[in-house]
Amino acid sequence: MRTENQFKAKCIDVTMAGLEAVLGRRLLNRLGGFVYWRTRGENLDDPERNGEYRTLDTIMGRLLGPRPVALDVGANIGDWAERFMRTTDGGRVFAFEPVSDTYRSISTRFAAEPKVECVNAAVSDQPGRCEIRVGGALSGSNSIYAMPGEACLRVETIAAVSGDAFAAERDLRTIDFLKIDVEGHEVGVLRGFRRTIAARRIRFIQWEYNKTWIPAHVSLRDVFELLGPAGYRLCKLRPRGLLWYAHYDRTLDNFCYSNWIAVEEADFAALRAHVRVADDTAGDW
């Protein structure tokens, strides 16, 4: 076995040396990064191509049933909420958008849609007020964390609610879909739903992961530790389906852009009947 591995390593060395001689080190490095990211389903910020819309449309259209309830946390101008309403049967959305001008925009967009309720607040682990850095008009990169290299035109003081308190206030016994895109505060949002998650009252949870988690000092380990014991299966969205990770591995935390989904255990078998789910532990990805 050792001799076989040495032979493979030698072949790789020779191949890489040849590619470097032809392409040059810089182009080879960029090409290698591209292949690495695409294989892992990372750094493709296009929901039409990275598998996000394909998977979500399947879940929304086939698994949620009639009159599902969704929480769109970090709704921005409402594209995700509109897709949910268009794809589901009689769906209802609570769209959370804390930034003032963006909230006015999404409120206007859904003014004639009674099943979309726009909420001018952030969702967090603690209720109260906090500051958010606004990068521009209707920007999708507003964050409560200072991002190196990101423009900040102004700072707004915004209201924050906890997910558990909101669910109790609105008597949401089941949340069919929780979507989170809040530029680094995803773990804070999940912690705000801690009791609801422990009771398995959220069926599907989707969140964005990227470099914004670095200034927030959180990682995917935090998500696995919160959702795993509650009986959720955690998967990364990829163009051809999902990649399921039964356990956390430190190599997952490279802070490259990707989308993840957590599926309540009872729904996981049904999901696998409609979406290709590769098992990372079996090496079939």
Foldseek 3Di string as FASTA:
>chain_A
DVVVVVVVVVVVVVVVVVCCVVPNDVVVVVVVVVVVQQVVLFDDPDCVQFQNCVLVLCCQQPPQDAAAEEEAALCQQNPVVVVSVVRHHNYAYEYEDQDVQSLVNNCVVCVVPPRYHYDNAHEFQDWDKAKWFDQDHSDSQIASFDDPPGHGPDIDITTYHQPCVVCVVVVLQAHAEYEDEHQQRVLRNVNSCQVVLLVVRYFKYKYKFAPSVVRVVDFVQSVCVRNVVSAKWKWWGGSQFTETENDDDPVVGPRTITMMMIGHNVCPVVSVVPTPYHYVVVVPD
